């Protein structure tokens, strides 16, 4: 659950930044590029947070 929330926050932030840039430039390309980058960044952060919350096998940290 925490990984999904973290990923959604990153995706939303990147889409918001793309929307801001798109309104300034008058071109829809920034929102498309930053939405794709936000989707990848959100997925990556979600996997990292999920792994950190889940922990290692048997509840022990990896050695």
PDB file of N, CA and C in Angstrom:
ATOM      1  N   UNK A   1       0.818  -1.184   0.000  1.00  0.00           N
ATOM      2  CA  UNK A   1       0.000   0.000   0.000  1.00  0.00           C
ATOM      3  C   UNK A   1       0.870   1.259   0.000  1.00  0.00           C
ATOM      4  N   UNK A   2       1.918   1.262   0.799  1.00  0.00           N
ATOM      5  CA  UNK A   2       2.791   2.439   0.882  1.00  0.00           C
ATOM      6  C   UNK A   2       3.506   2.680  -0.434  1.00  0.00           C
ATOM      7  N   UNK A   3       3.896   1.610  -1.109  1.00  0.00           N
ATOM      8  CA  UNK A   3       4.557   1.744  -2.406  1.00  0.00           C
ATOM      9  C   UNK A   3       3.643   2.361  -3.450  1.00  0.00           C
ATOM     10  N   UNK A   4       2.389   1.966  -3.442  1.00  0.00           N
ATOM     11  CA  UNK A   4       1.421   2.526  -4.390  1.00  0.00           C
ATOM     12  C   UNK A   4       1.159   3.995  -4.142  1.00  0.00           C
ATOM     13  N   UNK A   5       1.074   4.365  -2.880  1.00  0.00           N
ATOM     14  CA  UNK A   5       0.856   5.771  -2.546  1.00  0.00           C
ATOM     15  C   UNK A   5       2.054   6.613  -2.949  1.00  0.00           C
ATOM     16  N   UNK A   6       3.259   6.131  -2.667  1.00  0.00           N
ATOM     17  CA  UNK A   6       4.472   6.871  -3.036  1.00  0.00           C
ATOM     18  C   UNK A   6       4.563   7.027  -4.546  1.00  0.00           C
ATOM     19  N   UNK A   7       4.255   5.968  -5.280  1.00  0.00           N
ATOM     20  CA  UNK A   7       4.279   6.032  -6.741  1.00  0.00           C
ATOM     21  C   UNK A   7       3.251   6.994  -7.298  1.00  0.00           C
ATOM     22  N   UNK A   8       2.066   6.999  -6.708  1.00  0.00           N
ATOM     23  CA  UNK A   8       1.013   7.904  -7.164  1.00  0.00           C
ATOM     24  C   UNK A   8       1.363   9.361  -6.904  1.00  0.00           C
ATOM     25  N   UNK A   9       2.031   9.632  -5.788  1.00  0.00           N
ATOM     26  CA  UNK A   9       2.447  10.999  -5.481  1.00  0.00           C
ATOM     27  C   UNK A   9       3.462  11.491  -6.505  1.00  0.00           C
ATOM     28  N   UNK A  10       4.429  10.661  -6.843  1.00  0.00           N
ATOM     29  CA  UNK A  10       5.439  11.047  -7.828  1.00  0.00           C
ATOM     30  C   UNK A  10       4.796  11.245  -9.195  1.00  0.00           C
ATOM     31  N   UNK A  11       3.915  10.338  -9.580  1.00  0.00           N
ATOM     32  CA  UNK A  11       3.239  10.473 -10.871  1.00  0.00           C
ATOM     33  C   UNK A  11       2.420  11.757 -10.928  1.00  0.00           C
ATOM     34  N   UNK A  12       1.686  12.040  -9.882  1.00  0.00           N
ATOM     35  CA  UNK A  12       0.880  13.258  -9.831  1.00  0.00           C
ATOM     36  C   UNK A  12       1.722  14.520  -9.885  1.00  0.00           C
ATOM     37  N   UNK A  13       2.852  14.498  -9.208  1.00  0.00           N
ATOM     38  CA  UNK A  13       3.742  15.660  -9.226  1.00  0.00           C
ATOM     39  C   UNK A  13       4.313  15.898 -10.625  1.00  0.00           C
ATOM     40  N   UNK A  14       4.703  14.842 -11.297  1.00  0.00           N
ATOM     41  CA  UNK A  14       5.271  14.992 -12.641  1.00  0.00           C
ATOM     42  C   UNK A  14       4.211  15.449 -13.648  1.00  0.00           C
ATOM     43  N   UNK A  15       3.009  14.931 -13.537  1.00  0.00           N
ATOM     44  CA  UNK A  15       1.931  15.365 -14.431  1.00  0.00           C
ATOM     45  C   UNK A  15       1.572  16.821 -14.154  1.00  0.00           C
ATOM     46  N   UNK A  16       1.561  17.210 -12.891  1.00  0.00           N
ATOM     47  CA  UNK A  16       1.301  18.603 -12.540  1.00  0.00           C
ATOM     48  C   UNK A  16       2.358  19.542 -13.094  1.00  0.00           C
ATOM     49  N   UNK A  17       3.619  19.146 -12.997  1.00  0.00           N
ATOM     50  CA  UNK A  17       4.700  19.942 -13.565  1.00  0.00           C
ATOM     51  C   UNK A  17       4.576  20.015 -15.084  1.00  0.00           C
ATOM     52  N   UNK A  18       4.226  18.901 -15.709  1.00  0.00           N
ATOM     53  CA  UNK A  18       4.018  18.900 -17.156  1.00  0.00           C
ATOM     54  C   UNK A  18       2.872  19.797 -17.568  1.00  0.00           C
ATOM     55  N   UNK A  19       1.818  19.817 -16.780  1.00  0.00           N
ATOM     56  CA  UNK A  19       0.683  20.686 -17.067  1.00  0.00           C
ATOM     57  C   UNK A  19       1.073  22.152 -16.957  1.00  0.00           C
ATOM     58  N   UNK A  20       1.858  22.479 -15.944  1.00  0.00           N
ATOM     59  CA  UNK A  20       2.331  23.852 -15.773  1.00  0.00           C
ATOM     60  C   UNK A  20       3.203  24.277 -16.948  1.00  0.00           C
ATOM     61  N   UNK A  21       4.125  23.420 -17.329  1.00  0.00           N
ATOM     62  CA  UNK A  21       4.989  23.738 -18.471  1.00  0.00           C
ATOM     63  C   UNK A  21       4.194  23.828 -19.766  1.00  0.00           C
ATOM     64  N   UNK A  22       3.226  22.956 -19.928  1.00  0.00           N
ATOM     65  CA  UNK A  22       2.408  22.953 -21.137  1.00  0.00           C
ATOM     66  C   UNK A  22       1.623  24.252 -21.281  1.00  0.00           C
ATOM     67  N   UNK A  23       1.117  24.772 -20.162  1.00  0.00           N
ATOM     68  CA  UNK A  23       0.374  26.026 -20.233  1.00  0.00           C
ATOM     69  C   UNK A  23       1.292  27.202 -20.543  1.00  0.00           C
ATOM     70  N   UNK A  24       2.540  27.137 -20.109  1.00  0.00           N
ATOM     71  CA  UNK A  24       3.498  28.209 -20.379  1.00  0.00           C
ATOM     72  C   UNK A  24       3.987  28.184 -21.819  1.00  0.00           C
ATOM     73  N   UNK A  25       4.232  26.989 -22.328  1.00  0.00           N
ATOM     74  CA  UNK A  25       4.806  26.847 -23.665  1.00  0.00           C
ATOM     75  C   UNK A  25       3.733  26.876 -24.741  1.00  0.00           C
ATOM     76  N   UNK A  26       2.540  26.402 -24.427  1.00  0.00           N
ATOM     77  CA  UNK A  26       1.464  26.343 -25.410  1.00  0.00           C
ATOM     78  C   UNK A  26       1.577  25.115 -26.310  1.00  0.00           C
ATOM     79  N   UNK A  27       2.216  24.080 -25.797  1.00  0.00           N
ATOM     80  CA  UNK A  27       2.453  22.866 -26.559  1.00  0.00           C
ATOM     81  C   UNK A  27       2.199  21.673 -25.628  1.00  0.00           C
ATOM     82  N   UNK A  28       1.521  20.618 -26.077  1.00  0.00           N
ATOM     83  CA  UNK A  28       1.212  19.494 -25.186  1.00  0.00           C
ATOM     84  C   UNK A  28       2.367  18.507 -24.979  1.00  0.00           C
ATOM     85  N   UNK A  29       3.492  18.722 -25.633  1.00  0.00           N
ATOM     86  CA  UNK A  29       4.610  17.778 -25.536  1.00  0.00           C
ATOM     87  C   UNK A  29       5.154  17.647 -24.103  1.00  0.00           C
ATOM     88  N   UNK A  30       5.345  18.744 -23.341  1.00  0.00           N
ATOM     89  CA  UNK A  30       5.887  18.568 -21.983  1.00  0.00           C
ATOM     90  C   UNK A  30       5.023  17.692 -21.082  1.00  0.00           C
ATOM     91  N   UNK A  31       3.713  17.791 -21.195  1.00  0.00           N
ATOM     92  CA  UNK A  31       2.865  16.975 -20.322  1.00  0.00           C
ATOM     93  C   UNK A  31       2.960  15.496 -20.701  1.00  0.00           C
ATOM     94  N   UNK A  32       3.118  15.206 -21.979  1.00  0.00           N
ATOM     95  CA  UNK A  32       3.253  13.816 -22.420  1.00  0.00           C
ATOM     96  C   UNK A  32       4.569  13.229 -21.941  1.00  0.00           C
ATOM     97  N   UNK A  33       5.654  13.975 -22.147  1.00  0.00           N
ATOM     98  CA  UNK A  33       6.984  13.489 -21.759  1.00  0.00           C
ATOM     99  C   UNK A  33       7.080  13.320 -20.245  1.00  0.00           C
ATOM    100  N   UNK A  34       6.599  14.310 -19.491  1.00  0.00           N
ATOM    101  CA  UNK A  34       6.696  14.212 -18.041  1.00  0.00           C
ATOM    102  C   UNK A  34       5.714  13.205 -17.457  1.00  0.00           C
ATOM    103  N   UNK A  35       4.608  12.934 -18.125  1.00  0.00           N
ATOM    104  CA  UNK A  35       3.702  11.876 -17.659  1.00  0.00           C
ATOM    105  C   UNK A  35       4.361  10.508 -17.808  1.00  0.00           C
ATOM    106  N   UNK A  36       5.062  10.310 -18.920  1.00  0.00           N
ATOM    107  CA  UNK A  36       5.775   9.042 -19.119  1.00  0.00           C
ATOM    108  C   UNK A  36       6.905   8.903 -18.100  1.00  0.00           C
ATOM    109  N   UNK A  37       7.669   9.991 -17.903  1.00  0.00           N
ATOM    110  CA  UNK A  37       8.747   9.965 -16.913  1.00  0.00           C
ATOM    111  C   UNK A  37       8.189   9.777 -15.503  1.00  0.00           C
ATOM    112  N   UNK A  38       7.045  10.387 -15.217  1.00  0.00           N
ATOM    113  CA  UNK A  38       6.422  10.234 -13.907  1.00  0.00           C
ATOM    114  C   UNK A  38       5.914   8.825 -13.670  1.00  0.00           C
ATOM    115  N   UNK A  39       5.400   8.195 -14.716  1.00  0.00           N
ATOM    116  CA  UNK A  39       4.940   6.814 -14.580  1.00  0.00           C
ATOM    117  C   UNK A  39       6.115   5.890 -14.255  1.00  0.00           C
ATOM    118  N   UNK A  40       7.227   6.088 -14.947  1.00  0.00           N
ATOM    119  CA  UNK A  40       8.411   5.261 -14.677  1.00  0.00           C
ATOM    120  C   UNK A  40       8.985   5.559 -13.299  1.00  0.00           C
ATOM    121  N   UNK A  41       9.115   6.833 -12.969  1.00  0.00           N
ATOM    122  CA  UNK A  41       9.647   7.210 -11.655  1.00  0.00           C
ATOM    123  C   UNK A  41       8.746   6.755 -10.524  1.00  0.00           C
ATOM    124  N   UNK A  42       7.444   6.856 -10.720  1.00  0.00           N
ATOM    125  CA  UNK A  42       6.507   6.396  -9.705  1.00  0.00           C
ATOM    126  C   UNK A  42       6.570   4.896  -9.502  1.00  0.00           C
ATOM    127  N   UNK A  43       6.705   4.159 -10.606  1.00  0.00           N
ATOM    128  CA  UNK A  43       6.830   2.701 -10.505  1.00  0.00           C
ATOM    129  C   UNK A  43       8.110   2.336  -9.762  1.00  0.00           C
ATOM    130  N   UNK A  44       9.215   2.999 -10.129  1.00  0.00           N
ATOM    131  CA  UNK A  44      10.502   2.700  -9.515  1.00  0.00           C
ATOM    132  C   UNK A  44      10.484   3.001  -8.016  1.00  0.00           C
ATOM    133  N   UNK A  45       9.961   4.155  -7.639  1.00  0.00           N
ATOM    134  CA  UNK A  45       9.888   4.496  -6.218  1.00  0.00           C
ATOM    135  C   UNK A  45       8.938   3.552  -5.485  1.00  0.00           C
ATOM    136  N   UNK A  46       7.852   3.168  -6.124  1.00  0.00           N
ATOM    137  CA  UNK A  46       6.922   2.225  -5.509  1.00  0.00           C
ATOM    138  C   UNK A  46       7.573   0.883  -5.217  1.00  0.00           C
ATOM    139  N   UNK A  47       8.387   0.402  -6.138  1.00  0.00           N
ATOM    140  CA  UNK A  47       9.094  -0.871  -5.932  1.00  0.00           C
ATOM    141  C   UNK A  47      10.101  -0.737  -4.795  1.00  0.00           C
ATOM    142  N   UNK A  48      10.800   0.394  -4.741  1.00  0.00           N
ATOM    143  CA  UNK A  48      11.786   0.600  -3.677  1.00  0.00           C
ATOM    144  C   UNK A  48      11.102   0.669  -2.314  1.00  0.00           C
ATOM    145  N   UNK A  49      10.029   1.414  -2.217  1.00  0.00           N
ATOM    146  CA  UNK A  49       9.309   1.528  -0.945  1.00  0.00           C
ATOM    147  C   UNK A  49       8.700   0.192  -0.553  1.00  0.00           C
ATOM    148  N   UNK A  50       8.136  -0.527  -1.513  1.00  0.00           N
ATOM    149  CA  UNK A  50       7.564  -1.840  -1.231  1.00  0.00           C
ATOM    150  C   UNK A  50       8.626  -2.784  -0.677  1.00  0.00           C
ATOM    151  N   UNK A  51       9.798  -2.793  -1.303  1.00  0.00           N
ATOM    152  CA  UNK A  51      10.882  -3.645  -0.832  1.00  0.00           C
ATOM    153  C   UNK A  51      11.367  -3.246   0.548  1.00  0.00           C
ATOM    154  N   UNK A  52      11.405  -1.951   0.819  1.00  0.00           N
ATOM    155  CA  UNK A  52      11.862  -1.487   2.130  1.00  0.00           C
ATOM    156  C   UNK A  52      10.854  -1.834   3.223  1.00  0.00           C
ATOM    157  N   UNK A  53       9.579  -1.717   2.911  1.00  0.00           N
ATOM    158  CA  UNK A  53       8.552  -2.024   3.911  1.00  0.00           C
ATOM    159  C   UNK A  53       8.459  -3.528   4.139  1.00  0.00           C
ATOM    160  N   UNK A  54       8.574  -4.292   3.071  1.00  0.00           N
ATOM    161  CA  UNK A  54       8.446  -5.743   3.176  1.00  0.00           C
ATOM    162  C   UNK A  54       9.621  -6.356   3.901  1.00  0.00           C
ATOM    163  N   UNK A  55      10.833  -5.858   3.649  1.00  0.00           N
ATOM    164  CA  UNK A  55      12.015  -6.372   4.307  1.00  0.00           C
ATOM    165  C   UNK A  55      12.537  -7.633   3.647  1.00  0.00           C
ATOM    166  N   UNK A  56      13.547  -8.205   4.234  1.00  0.00           N
ATOM    167  CA  UNK A  56      14.176  -9.397   3.678  1.00  0.00           C
ATOM    168  C   UNK A  56      13.432 -10.666   4.076  1.00  0.00           C
ATOM    169  N   UNK A  57      13.979 -11.796   3.641  1.00  0.00           N
ATOM    170  CA  UNK A  57      13.391 -13.098   3.968  1.00  0.00           C
ATOM    171  C   UNK A  57      13.517 -13.366   5.455  1.00  0.00           C
ATOM    172  N   UNK A  58      12.448 -13.794   6.070  1.00  0.00           N
ATOM    173  CA  UNK A  58      12.474 -14.103   7.495  1.00  0.00           C
ATOM    174  C   UNK A  58      12.484 -12.882   8.385  1.00  0.00           C
ATOM    175  N   UNK A  59      12.231 -11.718   7.818  1.00  0.00           N
ATOM    176  CA  UNK A  59      12.202 -10.502   8.612  1.00  0.00           C
ATOM    177  C   UNK A  59      13.568  -9.938   8.941  1.00  0.00           C
ATOM    178  N   UNK A  60      14.620 -10.527   8.377  1.00  0.00           N
ATOM    179  CA  UNK A  60      15.974 -10.037   8.624  1.00  0.00           C
ATOM    180  C   UNK A  60      16.454  -9.247   7.431  1.00  0.00           C
ATOM    181  N   UNK A  61      17.311  -8.283   7.701  1.00  0.00           N
ATOM    182  CA  UNK A  61      17.899  -7.512   6.604  1.00  0.00           C
ATOM    183  C   UNK A  61      18.930  -8.365   5.878  1.00  0.00           C
ATOM    184  N   UNK A  62      19.115  -8.075   4.595  1.00  0.00           N
ATOM    185  CA  UNK A  62      20.100  -8.814   3.813  1.00  0.00           C
ATOM    186  C   UNK A  62      21.518  -8.532   4.291  1.00  0.00           C
ATOM    187  N   UNK A  63      22.379  -9.527   4.152  1.00  0.00           N
ATOM    188  CA  UNK A  63      23.768  -9.356   4.612  1.00  0.00           C
ATOM    189  C   UNK A  63      24.698  -9.309   3.455  1.00  0.00           C
TER     190      UNK A  63
END
